[in-house]
Amino acid sequence: MSSFKLSGNLMLDSLALASTWLASHAVAFDAHREIELADVGDQLLSRASDLGADLVVCGGYGHSRLREWALGGVTKHLLAHMTVPTLFSH
């Protein structure tokens, strides 16, 4: 592991840890962090297209029907609209 300091921000620390692990295993990658208030599923697919991504890797989680109705379901959206190979892991 690299000697970086944790920031206390879960998202930034997770990205730093994943980046360090991938680099230590000689995996070529680009890490991007963006925060916007649009539909997350559409944003992921749009960004993958903009980057010319070969693969999208993401966590696949299910939530209650009420929560998915109110907030939407990113996993469901990606499955229905994916335009690039997508690997889901739970």
Protein backbone atom coordinates (compact mmCIF):
# COMPACT_ATOMS: atom_id res chain seq x y z
CA MET A 1 0.00 0.00 0.00
CA SER A 2 1.00 3.55 -0.67
CA SER A 3 1.57 5.93 2.21
CA PHE A 4 -1.33 8.34 1.73
CA LYS A 5 -3.23 9.89 4.58
CA LEU A 6 -6.93 9.25 5.02
CA SER A 7 -8.98 12.41 4.68
CA GLY A 8 -11.98 11.33 6.72
CA ASN A 9 -14.18 11.64 3.62
CA LEU A 10 -15.50 8.15 2.85
CA MET A 11 -15.82 8.73 -0.90
CA LEU A 12 -12.34 10.22 -1.31
CA ASP A 13 -10.72 7.63 0.95
CA SER A 14 -12.44 4.76 -0.91
CA LEU A 15 -11.27 6.14 -4.25
CA ALA A 16 -7.72 6.55 -2.93
CA LEU A 17 -7.65 3.00 -1.52
CA ALA A 18 -9.04 1.48 -4.73
CA SER A 19 -6.59 3.48 -6.86
CA THR A 20 -3.65 2.40 -4.71
CA TRP A 21 -4.68 -1.27 -4.83
CA LEU A 22 -5.15 -1.23 -8.61
CA ALA A 23 -1.81 0.52 -9.16
CA SER A 24 -0.02 -1.99 -6.91
CA HIS A 25 -1.34 -4.79 -9.14
CA ALA A 26 -0.25 -3.06 -12.37
CA VAL A 27 -3.84 -2.43 -13.50
CA ALA A 28 -4.20 0.47 -15.93
CA PHE A 29 -7.13 2.68 -14.93
CA ASP A 30 -8.48 6.19 -14.70
CA ALA A 31 -10.33 7.26 -11.57
CA HIS A 32 -12.87 10.07 -11.78
CA ARG A 33 -14.95 11.72 -9.09
CA GLU A 34 -17.89 13.90 -9.98
CA ILE A 35 -20.83 15.15 -7.99
CA GLU A 36 -23.93 16.32 -9.83
CA LEU A 37 -27.63 16.34 -9.07
CA ALA A 38 -28.82 14.58 -12.24
CA ASP A 39 -29.93 10.96 -12.67
CA VAL A 40 -26.98 8.82 -11.56
CA GLY A 41 -27.59 5.99 -14.03
CA ASP A 42 -27.70 8.37 -16.99
CA GLN A 43 -24.60 10.16 -15.72
CA LEU A 44 -22.63 6.92 -15.44
CA LEU A 45 -23.55 5.83 -18.96
CA SER A 46 -22.85 9.28 -20.38
CA ARG A 47 -19.46 9.49 -18.66
CA ALA A 48 -18.53 5.98 -19.82
CA SER A 49 -19.34 7.02 -23.39
CA ASP A 50 -17.41 10.29 -23.08
CA LEU A 51 -14.34 8.41 -21.82
CA GLY A 52 -14.62 5.60 -24.37
CA ALA A 53 -14.72 3.14 -21.47
CA ASP A 54 -14.28 -0.57 -22.23
CA LEU A 55 -15.98 -1.65 -19.00
CA VAL A 56 -18.04 -0.15 -16.19
CA VAL A 57 -17.58 -1.79 -12.78
CA CYS A 58 -20.08 -1.01 -10.04
CA GLY A 59 -21.82 -2.42 -7.02
CA GLY A 60 -25.26 -3.88 -7.62
CA TYR A 61 -27.65 -3.47 -4.73
CA GLY A 62 -31.39 -3.82 -4.42
CA HIS A 63 -33.56 -1.66 -2.21
CA SER A 64 -37.18 -1.71 -1.15
CA ARG A 65 -39.75 -1.00 -3.85
CA LEU A 66 -40.79 2.20 -2.09
CA ARG A 67 -37.22 3.50 -1.97
CA GLU A 68 -36.57 2.62 -5.61
CA TRP A 69 -39.85 4.24 -6.64
CA ALA A 70 -38.99 7.42 -4.73
CA LEU A 71 -35.28 7.63 -5.50
CA GLY A 72 -34.90 5.49 -8.61
CA GLY A 73 -32.74 2.40 -9.00
CA VAL A 74 -29.29 2.88 -10.52
CA THR A 75 -28.65 -0.86 -10.88
CA LYS A 76 -32.01 -1.38 -12.61
CA HIS A 77 -31.39 1.62 -14.87
CA LEU A 78 -27.92 0.41 -15.88
CA LEU A 79 -29.23 -3.07 -16.64
CA ALA A 80 -31.99 -1.66 -18.83
CA HIS A 81 -29.87 0.93 -20.67
CA MET A 82 -26.24 -0.19 -20.62
CA THR A 83 -24.27 0.70 -23.72
CA VAL A 84 -20.93 -0.71 -22.57
CA PRO A 85 -20.10 -4.04 -20.87
CA THR A 86 -20.92 -3.68 -17.18
CA LEU A 87 -19.71 -5.79 -14.25
CA PHE A 88 -21.91 -5.76 -11.17
CA SER A 89 -20.66 -6.98 -7.82
CA HIS A 90 -22.61 -7.23 -4.58
